[in-house]
Structures are given as C-alpha cells and as structure tokens.
C-alpha cells in the first residue's frame, strides 16, 4: 500500500480507503456484521488507514449503525488510523438536511460515542443540496469543535454536483474546508475540473463511488436484475445494457498486474492529478483486498490514459 498526504491537512493516508455505506444501509444488499468486521480487519492488515462513515449509514430506527461497526473494528488501532464521518443527515429523521450549529454539536457527540473515540480526523458536511441548506451559525460551531479537539479538519461531501460544486469552490477559497469528497470514476468524470482546481489549492480530494455503484465490479451483466431496494434497481434494462457495454469497452485496461475491473477502476482514479485517495465500498474481505491491490500496480501509461479518455462519451448518473 502506498500513501499520500490529504491535501494541506498533513494527514498521511493510504491511497485506498474503506467506505462503510454498505455496512448498514443495504443499498447493495444486506451485509452481516462479522463480514463487515472482517473487511475492516483485512483492510487494516493490507495497509489501509483511512475509514469513512456517517450517521446516515444506519436505519430508520438507528443512526450510525456503520459508525458502531467501524468503532468496533478499529478500536485497538485508533491512533494508527484516520476516521472521517459526516453530519447534517440522519436516517431516523428521513435524511432531511440539518446543517446548523446545534445539529453539528449534537451529531459530533453522538458520532464520537458510537465510534468509541474522543476525536474525528475529518468531519464532512453530508451532501447539502443547495446553499440555502446551510445556516450561518454552523461555522462558529465547527470552529468550537476544532478548538475543543473533537474535530481536526472540516470537509464537504458533495452530491447534486452541478448545483453544489460552487459551494465547495467558495468554501475552499475562504479556507473553511480542507477536504472534499466527490463522485469520480471511469463512468462519471464531471468533477474533473473541480478536482484539478481545488487540488491546486492543496485541498484534499477523496474520490467515492469509483466502482460506479457496482457497475465497475465486473459482476454486472446485461441480464442482471437488481432486487427491490438495491441502489441500481431504478435503472431500466436498456440503461443497464448501455453501462455494461461501456464497461466491456474498458477491458484493455485489465492487464499485467491489474487483474480485475475493480483494480483497473481504482488505478485509473489514482492516476488522475489532484486525487488524494479513493474509497472502496467493499462489503467483505475479498472485495477490499481486490481494490487494495490497485495501489501497488504500475500507473497507467500515457497511451492507456488516452485510450480511457477516447472511449468516454458521457457521464453516467451517480447515486
């Protein structure tokens, strides 16, 4: 495993990180807690030291189920890992946006308790959909949390990209945030200019959904039928076929020590300028080890990167 600095934070992070959305939300199907714990242990043994979670990764009955699992998984190695979580959306409240001072304070205290730690390395705004979601008093609360030592750095986890990228640009220019988390993959490259520009400002860039919600897993076929509740069940058969056809066109990127489509997908993101690390939403030990191998693979050549650019004709919808 290779490591990079997370922008200007000074945090040294593994090129591959483990995201925990799948551990609790069932967006990719149910995940047994022991499988999740085995994935965390395998990730740590493979050199992965960055772990991302959120209060939203829970159920209608309980916030932060994934935070609890992650806390169990890293408790013995807390001082050796980087933990990011988020605030502003909770499943017990229907995921409604709550970006204000009181919520920030309460959310951090609850996350610390669930994770079994006394500080968070990065606290992300969790997907505000517009500037009107943000209450001015939140910034004072975030400063207070940093002064208390409960939060080290502030970030913006971006969704509704076209509507909210300017928020990230403004906050970065004002040095209100040190990190962004953004969708970026071979199938969705709409954030490329933002990554370039904020990377030049030494903002840390965490790429997510880099396996395109499973379409870059190498397991989806034209005949795949996603069960009700799966994040991809919204797509028509024609849309699934179009996505699979595109993935098939990427096969030349699977070569030599890059043995699988997930490894190719991760390696491509790592080879893009400005990227600090790539999150894997692995559900088990095998999936995280597959993704982790991409860090040790040789970077793609200029010709291979040009090939990947040539066949990209549109950005497929993100989650």
C-alpha atoms as a PDB file:
ATOM      1  CA  UNK A   1       0.000   0.000   0.000  1.00  0.00           C
ATOM      2  CA  UNK A   2       1.245   3.471  -0.923  1.00  0.00           C
ATOM      3  CA  UNK A   3       0.388   6.667   0.938  1.00  0.00           C
ATOM      4  CA  UNK A   4      -0.317  10.277   0.042  1.00  0.00           C
ATOM      5  CA  UNK A   5      -0.903  13.427   2.052  1.00  0.00           C
ATOM      6  CA  UNK A   6      -4.516  14.522   2.313  1.00  0.00           C
ATOM      7  CA  UNK A   7      -4.059  17.976   0.840  1.00  0.00           C
ATOM      8  CA  UNK A   8      -2.805  20.557   3.303  1.00  0.00           C
ATOM      9  CA  UNK A   9      -4.023  18.606   6.357  1.00  0.00           C
ATOM     10  CA  UNK A  10      -0.710  16.827   6.748  1.00  0.00           C
ATOM     11  CA  UNK A  11      -2.557  13.550   7.305  1.00  0.00           C
ATOM     12  CA  UNK A  12      -0.740  10.684   5.601  1.00  0.00           C
ATOM     13  CA  UNK A  13      -3.429   8.426   4.137  1.00  0.00           C
ATOM     14  CA  UNK A  14      -3.471   5.153   2.246  1.00  0.00           C
ATOM     15  CA  UNK A  15      -4.244   5.515  -1.457  1.00  0.00           C
ATOM     16  CA  UNK A  16      -7.222   3.209  -0.958  1.00  0.00           C
ATOM     17  CA  UNK A  17      -9.687   3.895   1.834  1.00  0.00           C
ATOM     18  CA  UNK A  18     -12.653   1.899   3.118  1.00  0.00           C
ATOM     19  CA  UNK A  19     -16.115   3.443   2.962  1.00  0.00           C
ATOM     20  CA  UNK A  20     -18.794   1.917   5.182  1.00  0.00           C
ATOM     21  CA  UNK A  21     -22.080   2.878   3.490  1.00  0.00           C
ATOM     22  CA  UNK A  22     -22.778  -0.730   2.503  1.00  0.00           C
ATOM     23  CA  UNK A  23     -22.348  -1.997   6.064  1.00  0.00           C
ATOM     24  CA  UNK A  24     -25.634  -0.569   7.275  1.00  0.00           C
ATOM     25  CA  UNK A  25     -27.797   0.897   4.525  1.00  0.00           C
ATOM     26  CA  UNK A  26     -28.429  -2.311   2.497  1.00  0.00           C
ATOM     27  CA  UNK A  27     -28.084  -0.304  -0.725  1.00  0.00           C
ATOM     28  CA  UNK A  28     -26.141  -3.248  -2.167  1.00  0.00           C
ATOM     29  CA  UNK A  29     -27.931  -5.906  -0.162  1.00  0.00           C
ATOM     30  CA  UNK A  30     -27.518  -6.936   3.457  1.00  0.00           C
ATOM     31  CA  UNK A  31     -24.051  -7.254   4.995  1.00  0.00           C
ATOM     32  CA  UNK A  32     -23.528  -9.388   8.097  1.00  0.00           C
ATOM     33  CA  UNK A  33     -21.717  -7.542  10.878  1.00  0.00           C
ATOM     34  CA  UNK A  34     -18.987 -10.178  11.009  1.00  0.00           C
ATOM     35  CA  UNK A  35     -18.350  -9.779   7.268  1.00  0.00           C
ATOM     36  CA  UNK A  36     -18.022  -6.039   7.821  1.00  0.00           C
ATOM     37  CA  UNK A  37     -15.612  -6.545  10.726  1.00  0.00           C
ATOM     38  CA  UNK A  38     -13.578  -8.997   8.635  1.00  0.00           C
ATOM     39  CA  UNK A  39     -13.392  -6.412   5.852  1.00  0.00           C
ATOM     40  CA  UNK A  40     -12.141  -3.766   8.297  1.00  0.00           C
ATOM     41  CA  UNK A  41      -9.514  -6.146   9.689  1.00  0.00           C
ATOM     42  CA  UNK A  42      -8.376  -7.166   6.195  1.00  0.00           C
ATOM     43  CA  UNK A  43      -8.179  -3.524   5.139  1.00  0.00           C
ATOM     44  CA  UNK A  44      -6.011  -2.645   8.120  1.00  0.00           C
ATOM     45  CA  UNK A  45      -3.719  -5.630   7.518  1.00  0.00           C
ATOM     46  CA  UNK A  46      -3.385  -4.524   3.876  1.00  0.00           C
ATOM     47  CA  UNK A  47      -2.143  -1.112   4.984  1.00  0.00           C
ATOM     48  CA  UNK A  48      -5.409   0.831   4.637  1.00  0.00           C
ATOM     49  CA  UNK A  49      -5.580   3.553   7.288  1.00  0.00           C
ATOM     50  CA  UNK A  50      -8.465   5.759   6.043  1.00  0.00           C
ATOM     51  CA  UNK A  51     -12.029   4.847   7.021  1.00  0.00           C
ATOM     52  CA  UNK A  52     -15.132   6.830   6.075  1.00  0.00           C
ATOM     53  CA  UNK A  53     -18.532   6.602   7.722  1.00  0.00           C
ATOM     54  CA  UNK A  54     -21.594   8.699   8.638  1.00  0.00           C
ATOM     55  CA  UNK A  55     -24.630   8.902  10.922  1.00  0.00           C
ATOM     56  CA  UNK A  56     -26.690   8.449   7.744  1.00  0.00           C
ATOM     57  CA  UNK A  57     -25.292   4.942   7.365  1.00  0.00           C
ATOM     58  CA  UNK A  58     -27.947   3.430   9.552  1.00  0.00           C
ATOM     59  CA  UNK A  59     -31.648   2.581   9.563  1.00  0.00           C
ATOM     60  CA  UNK A  60     -34.958   4.318  10.192  1.00  0.00           C
ATOM     61  CA  UNK A  61     -34.660   3.075  13.754  1.00  0.00           C
ATOM     62  CA  UNK A  62     -30.990   3.814  14.470  1.00  0.00           C
ATOM     63  CA  UNK A  63     -28.496   6.393  13.245  1.00  0.00           C
ATOM     64  CA  UNK A  64     -24.868   5.488  12.629  1.00  0.00           C
ATOM     65  CA  UNK A  65     -25.041   1.700  12.576  1.00  0.00           C
ATOM     66  CA  UNK A  66     -21.921   1.700  10.398  1.00  0.00           C
ATOM     67  CA  UNK A  67     -20.164   4.003  12.867  1.00  0.00           C
ATOM     68  CA  UNK A  68     -20.736   1.454  15.629  1.00  0.00           C
ATOM     69  CA  UNK A  69     -19.324  -1.346  13.465  1.00  0.00           C
ATOM     70  CA  UNK A  70     -16.336   0.739  12.418  1.00  0.00           C
ATOM     71  CA  UNK A  71     -15.673   1.690  16.032  1.00  0.00           C
ATOM     72  CA  UNK A  72     -15.503  -1.984  16.964  1.00  0.00           C
ATOM     73  CA  UNK A  73     -13.243  -2.724  14.023  1.00  0.00           C
ATOM     74  CA  UNK A  74     -10.598  -0.052  14.611  1.00  0.00           C
ATOM     75  CA  UNK A  75     -10.743   0.432  18.384  1.00  0.00           C
ATOM     76  CA  UNK A  76      -7.429  -1.293  19.075  1.00  0.00           C
ATOM     77  CA  UNK A  77      -5.698   0.735  16.344  1.00  0.00           C
ATOM     78  CA  UNK A  78      -7.399   4.126  16.723  1.00  0.00           C
ATOM     79  CA  UNK A  79      -4.135   6.056  16.925  1.00  0.00           C
ATOM     80  CA  UNK A  80      -2.942   4.482  13.668  1.00  0.00           C
ATOM     81  CA  UNK A  81      -5.992   5.241  11.506  1.00  0.00           C
ATOM     82  CA  UNK A  82      -7.768   8.252  10.024  1.00  0.00           C
ATOM     83  CA  UNK A  83     -11.526   8.383  10.579  1.00  0.00           C
ATOM     84  CA  UNK A  84     -13.898  10.646   8.695  1.00  0.00           C
ATOM     85  CA  UNK A  85     -17.591  10.936   9.393  1.00  0.00           C
ATOM     86  CA  UNK A  86     -20.281  13.435   8.481  1.00  0.00           C
ATOM     87  CA  UNK A  87     -23.135  15.486   9.844  1.00  0.00           C
ATOM     88  CA  UNK A  88     -26.359  17.022   8.608  1.00  0.00           C
ATOM     89  CA  UNK A  89     -28.404  13.977   7.593  1.00  0.00           C
ATOM     90  CA  UNK A  90     -29.860  11.238   9.772  1.00  0.00           C
ATOM     91  CA  UNK A  91     -31.970   8.245   8.688  1.00  0.00           C
ATOM     92  CA  UNK A  92     -34.120   8.465  11.824  1.00  0.00           C
ATOM     93  CA  UNK A  93     -35.238  11.893  10.578  1.00  0.00           C
ATOM     94  CA  UNK A  94     -35.869  10.867   6.984  1.00  0.00           C
ATOM     95  CA  UNK A  95     -32.462  12.112   5.777  1.00  0.00           C
ATOM     96  CA  UNK A  96     -33.655  15.740   5.843  1.00  0.00           C
ATOM     97  CA  UNK A  97     -30.867  18.349   5.732  1.00  0.00           C
ATOM     98  CA  UNK A  98     -29.896  19.854   9.120  1.00  0.00           C
ATOM     99  CA  UNK A  99     -26.790  21.979   8.737  1.00  0.00           C
ATOM    100  CA  UNK A 100     -26.817  24.279  11.749  1.00  0.00           C
ATOM    101  CA  UNK A 101     -24.823  24.792  14.925  1.00  0.00           C
ATOM    102  CA  UNK A 102     -26.850  22.668  17.325  1.00  0.00           C
ATOM    103  CA  UNK A 103     -27.006  19.738  14.908  1.00  0.00           C
ATOM    104  CA  UNK A 104     -23.250  19.901  14.284  1.00  0.00           C
ATOM    105  CA  UNK A 105     -22.508  19.780  18.015  1.00  0.00           C
ATOM    106  CA  UNK A 106     -25.024  17.036  18.777  1.00  0.00           C
ATOM    107  CA  UNK A 107     -24.034  14.979  15.755  1.00  0.00           C
ATOM    108  CA  UNK A 108     -20.334  15.029  16.626  1.00  0.00           C
ATOM    109  CA  UNK A 109     -21.004  13.999  20.216  1.00  0.00           C
ATOM    110  CA  UNK A 110     -23.178  11.098  19.035  1.00  0.00           C
ATOM    111  CA  UNK A 111     -20.609  10.011  16.443  1.00  0.00           C
ATOM    112  CA  UNK A 112     -17.800  10.058  18.993  1.00  0.00           C
ATOM    113  CA  UNK A 113     -19.866   7.852  21.274  1.00  0.00           C
ATOM    114  CA  UNK A 114     -20.767   5.371  18.524  1.00  0.00           C
ATOM    115  CA  UNK A 115     -17.202   5.217  17.239  1.00  0.00           C
ATOM    116  CA  UNK A 116     -15.710   4.899  20.714  1.00  0.00           C
ATOM    117  CA  UNK A 117     -13.206   7.700  20.169  1.00  0.00           C
ATOM    118  CA  UNK A 118     -12.647  11.199  21.502  1.00  0.00           C
ATOM    119  CA  UNK A 119     -11.811  12.909  18.194  1.00  0.00           C
ATOM    120  CA  UNK A 120     -12.642  12.828  14.494  1.00  0.00           C
ATOM    121  CA  UNK A 121      -9.964  13.396  11.881  1.00  0.00           C
ATOM    122  CA  UNK A 122     -12.355  14.813   9.264  1.00  0.00           C
ATOM    123  CA  UNK A 123     -15.961  15.965   9.645  1.00  0.00           C
ATOM    124  CA  UNK A 124     -17.800  16.354   6.337  1.00  0.00           C
ATOM    125  CA  UNK A 125     -20.946  18.290   5.565  1.00  0.00           C
ATOM    126  CA  UNK A 126     -23.092  15.401   4.308  1.00  0.00           C
ATOM    127  CA  UNK A 127     -24.447  16.328   0.898  1.00  0.00           C
ATOM    128  CA  UNK A 128     -26.124  19.714   1.194  1.00  0.00           C
ATOM    129  CA  UNK A 129     -28.227  20.144  -1.946  1.00  0.00           C
ATOM    130  CA  UNK A 130     -28.062  23.952  -2.037  1.00  0.00           C
ATOM    131  CA  UNK A 131     -26.541  26.909  -0.242  1.00  0.00           C
ATOM    132  CA  UNK A 132     -29.943  27.549   1.359  1.00  0.00           C
ATOM    133  CA  UNK A 133     -29.469  24.324   3.382  1.00  0.00           C
ATOM    134  CA  UNK A 134     -26.601  25.929   5.328  1.00  0.00           C
ATOM    135  CA  UNK A 135     -27.305  28.029   8.432  1.00  0.00           C
ATOM    136  CA  UNK A 136     -24.694  30.713   9.103  1.00  0.00           C
ATOM    137  CA  UNK A 137     -24.319  29.681  12.744  1.00  0.00           C
ATOM    138  CA  UNK A 138     -22.824  26.327  11.773  1.00  0.00           C
ATOM    139  CA  UNK A 139     -19.368  27.766  11.117  1.00  0.00           C
ATOM    140  CA  UNK A 140     -18.984  29.010  14.682  1.00  0.00           C
ATOM    141  CA  UNK A 141     -19.906  25.566  15.987  1.00  0.00           C
ATOM    142  CA  UNK A 142     -17.346  23.906  13.742  1.00  0.00           C
ATOM    143  CA  UNK A 143     -14.637  26.287  14.944  1.00  0.00           C
ATOM    144  CA  UNK A 144     -15.591  25.461  18.534  1.00  0.00           C
ATOM    145  CA  UNK A 145     -15.413  21.716  17.841  1.00  0.00           C
ATOM    146  CA  UNK A 146     -11.924  22.171  16.428  1.00  0.00           C
ATOM    147  CA  UNK A 147     -10.843  24.266  19.415  1.00  0.00           C
ATOM    148  CA  UNK A 148     -12.137  21.516  21.716  1.00  0.00           C
ATOM    149  CA  UNK A 149     -10.018  18.966  19.868  1.00  0.00           C
ATOM    150  CA  UNK A 150     -13.051  16.919  18.870  1.00  0.00           C
ATOM    151  CA  UNK A 151     -12.643  17.597  15.132  1.00  0.00           C
ATOM    152  CA  UNK A 152      -9.351  18.119  13.336  1.00  0.00           C
ATOM    153  CA  UNK A 153     -10.439  19.097   9.820  1.00  0.00           C
ATOM    154  CA  UNK A 154     -13.658  20.100   8.026  1.00  0.00           C
ATOM    155  CA  UNK A 155     -14.754  18.795   4.628  1.00  0.00           C
ATOM    156  CA  UNK A 156     -17.611  18.881   2.132  1.00  0.00           C
ATOM    157  CA  UNK A 157     -19.040  15.604   0.815  1.00  0.00           C
ATOM    158  CA  UNK A 158     -20.552  16.708  -2.485  1.00  0.00           C
ATOM    159  CA  UNK A 159     -23.779  15.490  -4.062  1.00  0.00           C
ATOM    160  CA  UNK A 160     -26.025  17.143  -6.660  1.00  0.00           C
ATOM    161  CA  UNK A 161     -22.738  18.154  -8.247  1.00  0.00           C
ATOM    162  CA  UNK A 162     -23.960  20.761 -10.740  1.00  0.00           C
ATOM    163  CA  UNK A 163     -25.902  22.564  -8.021  1.00  0.00           C
ATOM    164  CA  UNK A 164     -23.315  22.447  -5.249  1.00  0.00           C
ATOM    165  CA  UNK A 165     -19.815  22.491  -6.697  1.00  0.00           C
ATOM    166  CA  UNK A 166     -19.714  26.281  -6.363  1.00  0.00           C
ATOM    167  CA  UNK A 167     -20.249  25.899  -2.624  1.00  0.00           C
ATOM    168  CA  UNK A 168     -17.121  23.771  -2.463  1.00  0.00           C
ATOM    169  CA  UNK A 169     -15.191  26.300  -4.530  1.00  0.00           C
ATOM    170  CA  UNK A 170     -16.284  29.185  -2.298  1.00  0.00           C
ATOM    171  CA  UNK A 171     -15.601  27.332   0.956  1.00  0.00           C
ATOM    172  CA  UNK A 172     -12.176  26.240  -0.270  1.00  0.00           C
ATOM    173  CA  UNK A 173     -11.272  29.778  -1.335  1.00  0.00           C
ATOM    174  CA  UNK A 174     -12.325  31.022   2.114  1.00  0.00           C
ATOM    175  CA  UNK A 175     -10.332  28.154   3.710  1.00  0.00           C
ATOM    176  CA  UNK A 176     -13.424  26.987   5.553  1.00  0.00           C
ATOM    177  CA  UNK A 177     -12.813  23.433   4.362  1.00  0.00           C
ATOM    178  CA  UNK A 178      -9.643  21.398   3.907  1.00  0.00           C
ATOM    179  CA  UNK A 179     -11.079  18.308   2.173  1.00  0.00           C
ATOM    180  CA  UNK A 180     -13.780  17.403  -0.338  1.00  0.00           C
ATOM    181  CA  UNK A 181     -15.348  14.044  -1.071  1.00  0.00           C
ATOM    182  CA  UNK A 182     -16.732  13.695  -4.565  1.00  0.00           C
ATOM    183  CA  UNK A 183     -18.021  11.122  -7.056  1.00  0.00           C
ATOM    184  CA  UNK A 184     -15.307  10.294  -9.577  1.00  0.00           C
ATOM    185  CA  UNK A 185     -14.894   7.217 -11.738  1.00  0.00           C
ATOM    186  CA  UNK A 186     -14.278   5.947 -15.227  1.00  0.00           C
ATOM    187  CA  UNK A 187     -18.058   6.247 -15.690  1.00  0.00           C
ATOM    188  CA  UNK A 188     -18.536   9.698 -14.168  1.00  0.00           C
ATOM    189  CA  UNK A 189     -15.883  12.375 -14.601  1.00  0.00           C
ATOM    190  CA  UNK A 190     -17.956  15.534 -14.141  1.00  0.00           C
ATOM    191  CA  UNK A 191     -15.844  16.564 -11.137  1.00  0.00           C
ATOM    192  CA  UNK A 192     -12.563  16.624 -13.083  1.00  0.00           C
ATOM    193  CA  UNK A 193     -12.241  20.428 -13.253  1.00  0.00           C
ATOM    194  CA  UNK A 194     -13.162  20.838  -9.581  1.00  0.00           C
ATOM    195  CA  UNK A 195     -10.600  18.214  -8.581  1.00  0.00           C
ATOM    196  CA  UNK A 196      -7.931  19.982 -10.629  1.00  0.00           C
ATOM    197  CA  UNK A 197      -8.717  23.436  -9.271  1.00  0.00           C
ATOM    198  CA  UNK A 198      -9.091  22.507  -5.612  1.00  0.00           C
ATOM    199  CA  UNK A 199      -6.106  20.194  -5.802  1.00  0.00           C
ATOM    200  CA  UNK A 200      -4.035  23.184  -6.872  1.00  0.00           C
ATOM    201  CA  UNK A 201      -5.256  24.925  -3.703  1.00  0.00           C
ATOM    202  CA  UNK A 202      -3.988  21.929  -1.681  1.00  0.00           C
ATOM    203  CA  UNK A 203      -7.468  20.797  -0.709  1.00  0.00           C
ATOM    204  CA  UNK A 204      -7.560  17.059  -0.016  1.00  0.00           C
ATOM    205  CA  UNK A 205      -9.564  15.106  -2.612  1.00  0.00           C
ATOM    206  CA  UNK A 206     -11.342  11.899  -1.595  1.00  0.00           C
ATOM    207  CA  UNK A 207     -12.898  10.081  -4.561  1.00  0.00           C
ATOM    208  CA  UNK A 208     -16.005   7.978  -3.931  1.00  0.00           C
ATOM    209  CA  UNK A 209     -18.331   5.744  -5.973  1.00  0.00           C
ATOM    210  CA  UNK A 210     -15.276   4.887  -8.056  1.00  0.00           C
ATOM    211  CA  UNK A 211     -16.763   1.476  -8.878  1.00  0.00           C
ATOM    212  CA  UNK A 212     -19.893   3.269 -10.131  1.00  0.00           C
ATOM    213  CA  UNK A 213     -22.167   1.615  -7.548  1.00  0.00           C
ATOM    214  CA  UNK A 214     -21.062  -1.823  -8.661  1.00  0.00           C
ATOM    215  CA  UNK A 215     -21.113  -1.434 -12.430  1.00  0.00           C
ATOM    216  CA  UNK A 216     -17.300  -1.454 -12.358  1.00  0.00           C
ATOM    217  CA  UNK A 217     -17.236  -4.538 -10.149  1.00  0.00           C
ATOM    218  CA  UNK A 218     -17.032  -6.842 -13.173  1.00  0.00           C
ATOM    219  CA  UNK A 219     -20.064  -8.752 -11.893  1.00  0.00           C
ATOM    220  CA  UNK A 220     -22.950  -6.955 -13.623  1.00  0.00           C
ATOM    221  CA  UNK A 221     -24.198  -8.352 -16.943  1.00  0.00           C
ATOM    222  CA  UNK A 222     -26.879  -7.286 -19.392  1.00  0.00           C
ATOM    223  CA  UNK A 223     -29.209  -9.813 -17.787  1.00  0.00           C
ATOM    224  CA  UNK A 224     -28.649  -8.677 -14.208  1.00  0.00           C
ATOM    225  CA  UNK A 225     -31.878  -7.934 -12.357  1.00  0.00           C
ATOM    226  CA  UNK A 226     -31.348  -5.867  -9.219  1.00  0.00           C
ATOM    227  CA  UNK A 227     -33.643  -6.677  -6.281  1.00  0.00           C
ATOM    228  CA  UNK A 228     -36.030  -4.116  -4.848  1.00  0.00           C
ATOM    229  CA  UNK A 229     -34.196  -1.747  -2.534  1.00  0.00           C
ATOM    230  CA  UNK A 230     -30.857  -2.112  -4.345  1.00  0.00           C
ATOM    231  CA  UNK A 231     -29.461   1.246  -5.405  1.00  0.00           C
ATOM    232  CA  UNK A 232     -29.362   0.125  -9.064  1.00  0.00           C
ATOM    233  CA  UNK A 233     -32.935  -1.176  -9.203  1.00  0.00           C
ATOM    234  CA  UNK A 234     -34.006   2.228 -10.571  1.00  0.00           C
ATOM    235  CA  UNK A 235     -32.328   1.576 -13.927  1.00  0.00           C
ATOM    236  CA  UNK A 236     -34.115   0.178 -16.958  1.00  0.00           C
ATOM    237  CA  UNK A 237     -32.830  -2.876 -18.807  1.00  0.00           C
ATOM    238  CA  UNK A 238     -31.623  -0.596 -21.621  1.00  0.00           C
ATOM    239  CA  UNK A 239     -29.684   1.590 -19.183  1.00  0.00           C
ATOM    240  CA  UNK A 240     -28.078  -1.444 -17.594  1.00  0.00           C
ATOM    241  CA  UNK A 241     -27.095  -2.768 -21.025  1.00  0.00           C
ATOM    242  CA  UNK A 242     -25.555   0.561 -22.004  1.00  0.00           C
ATOM    243  CA  UNK A 243     -23.497   0.653 -18.820  1.00  0.00           C
ATOM    244  CA  UNK A 244     -22.344  -2.943 -19.240  1.00  0.00           C
ATOM    245  CA  UNK A 245     -21.358  -2.271 -22.854  1.00  0.00           C
ATOM    246  CA  UNK A 246     -19.209   0.632 -21.708  1.00  0.00           C
ATOM    247  CA  UNK A 247     -17.513  -1.495 -19.034  1.00  0.00           C
ATOM    248  CA  UNK A 248     -16.758  -4.154 -21.639  1.00  0.00           C
ATOM    249  CA  UNK A 249     -15.025  -1.485 -23.729  1.00  0.00           C
ATOM    250  CA  UNK A 250     -12.699  -0.813 -20.791  1.00  0.00           C
ATOM    251  CA  UNK A 251     -11.274  -4.345 -20.808  1.00  0.00           C
ATOM    252  CA  UNK A 252      -7.903  -3.299 -22.364  1.00  0.00           C
ATOM    253  CA  UNK A 253      -7.195  -1.584 -19.018  1.00  0.00           C
ATOM    254  CA  UNK A 254      -7.153  -5.009 -17.348  1.00  0.00           C
ATOM    255  CA  UNK A 255      -3.586  -6.081 -17.980  1.00  0.00           C
ATOM    256  CA  UNK A 256      -0.492  -7.492 -16.315  1.00  0.00           C
ATOM    257  CA  UNK A 257      -0.721  -6.964 -12.551  1.00  0.00           C
ATOM    258  CA  UNK A 258      -4.082  -5.186 -12.896  1.00  0.00           C
ATOM    259  CA  UNK A 259      -6.126  -8.369 -12.941  1.00  0.00           C
ATOM    260  CA  UNK A 260      -9.701  -7.200 -12.383  1.00  0.00           C
ATOM    261  CA  UNK A 261     -12.069  -4.429 -13.422  1.00  0.00           C
ATOM    262  CA  UNK A 262     -12.202  -3.005  -9.862  1.00  0.00           C
ATOM    263  CA  UNK A 263      -8.419  -2.781  -9.802  1.00  0.00           C
ATOM    264  CA  UNK A 264      -8.455  -1.011 -13.169  1.00  0.00           C
ATOM    265  CA  UNK A 265     -11.124   1.407 -11.975  1.00  0.00           C
ATOM    266  CA  UNK A 266      -9.212   2.265  -8.813  1.00  0.00           C
ATOM    267  CA  UNK A 267      -5.859   2.551 -10.583  1.00  0.00           C
ATOM    268  CA  UNK A 268      -7.316   4.953 -13.161  1.00  0.00           C
ATOM    269  CA  UNK A 269      -8.619   7.283 -10.449  1.00  0.00           C
ATOM    270  CA  UNK A 270      -5.288   7.175  -8.615  1.00  0.00           C
ATOM    271  CA  UNK A 271      -3.562   8.233 -11.820  1.00  0.00           C
ATOM    272  CA  UNK A 272      -5.602  11.443 -12.092  1.00  0.00           C
ATOM    273  CA  UNK A 273      -3.937  14.635 -10.920  1.00  0.00           C
ATOM    274  CA  UNK A 274      -5.135  16.005  -7.596  1.00  0.00           C
ATOM    275  CA  UNK A 275      -6.511  12.781  -6.125  1.00  0.00           C
ATOM    276  CA  UNK A 276      -5.521  12.069  -2.514  1.00  0.00           C
ATOM    277  CA  UNK A 277      -7.219   8.700  -2.120  1.00  0.00           C
ATOM    278  CA  UNK A 278     -10.017   6.502  -3.448  1.00  0.00           C
ATOM    279  CA  UNK A 279     -12.727   4.940  -1.300  1.00  0.00           C
ATOM    280  CA  UNK A 280     -13.813   1.353  -1.765  1.00  0.00           C
ATOM    281  CA  UNK A 281     -17.339   0.494  -0.657  1.00  0.00           C
ATOM    282  CA  UNK A 282     -16.342  -3.136  -0.140  1.00  0.00           C
ATOM    283  CA  UNK A 283     -18.818  -5.441   1.587  1.00  0.00           C
ATOM    284  CA  UNK A 284     -16.364  -8.162   2.565  1.00  0.00           C
ATOM    285  CA  UNK A 285     -12.720  -9.137   2.898  1.00  0.00           C
ATOM    286  CA  UNK A 286     -12.312 -10.315  -0.693  1.00  0.00           C
ATOM    287  CA  UNK A 287     -13.639  -7.089  -2.199  1.00  0.00           C
ATOM    288  CA  UNK A 288     -11.428  -4.777  -0.147  1.00  0.00           C
ATOM    289  CA  UNK A 289      -8.307  -6.820  -0.852  1.00  0.00           C
ATOM    290  CA  UNK A 290      -9.086  -6.724  -4.577  1.00  0.00           C
ATOM    291  CA  UNK A 291      -9.300  -2.931  -4.507  1.00  0.00           C
ATOM    292  CA  UNK A 292      -6.254  -2.565  -2.262  1.00  0.00           C
ATOM    293  CA  UNK A 293      -4.083  -4.308  -4.853  1.00  0.00           C
ATOM    294  CA  UNK A 294      -4.506  -1.358  -7.227  1.00  0.00           C
ATOM    295  CA  UNK A 295      -2.216   0.791  -5.100  1.00  0.00           C
ATOM    296  CA  UNK A 296       0.766  -1.454  -5.794  1.00  0.00           C
ATOM    297  CA  UNK A 297       0.079  -1.701  -9.537  1.00  0.00           C
ATOM    298  CA  UNK A 298       2.129   0.307 -12.002  1.00  0.00           C
ATOM    299  CA  UNK A 299       0.430   3.549 -13.083  1.00  0.00           C
ATOM    300  CA  UNK A 300      -1.218   3.547 -16.472  1.00  0.00           C
ATOM    301  CA  UNK A 301       0.845   4.751 -19.397  1.00  0.00           C
ATOM    302  CA  UNK A 302       0.035   7.902 -21.342  1.00  0.00           C
ATOM    303  CA  UNK A 303      -1.336   5.741 -24.172  1.00  0.00           C
ATOM    304  CA  UNK A 304      -3.609   3.840 -21.798  1.00  0.00           C
ATOM    305  CA  UNK A 305      -4.909   7.051 -20.228  1.00  0.00           C
ATOM    306  CA  UNK A 306      -5.569   8.467 -23.683  1.00  0.00           C
ATOM    307  CA  UNK A 307      -7.472   5.295 -24.580  1.00  0.00           C
ATOM    308  CA  UNK A 308      -9.640   5.695 -21.473  1.00  0.00           C
ATOM    309  CA  UNK A 309     -10.330   9.294 -22.449  1.00  0.00           C
ATOM    310  CA  UNK A 310     -11.136   8.452 -26.058  1.00  0.00           C
ATOM    311  CA  UNK A 311     -13.889   5.958 -25.250  1.00  0.00           C
ATOM    312  CA  UNK A 312     -15.594   8.191 -22.685  1.00  0.00           C
ATOM    313  CA  UNK A 313     -18.552   9.863 -24.376  1.00  0.00           C
ATOM    314  CA  UNK A 314     -20.850  10.732 -21.463  1.00  0.00           C
ATOM    315  CA  UNK A 315     -21.035  10.766 -17.688  1.00  0.00           C
ATOM    316  CA  UNK A 316     -23.353   8.115 -16.320  1.00  0.00           C
ATOM    317  CA  UNK A 317     -25.642   9.196 -13.485  1.00  0.00           C
ATOM    318  CA  UNK A 318     -24.212   8.910  -9.977  1.00  0.00           C
ATOM    319  CA  UNK A 319     -26.100   7.731  -6.897  1.00  0.00           C
END
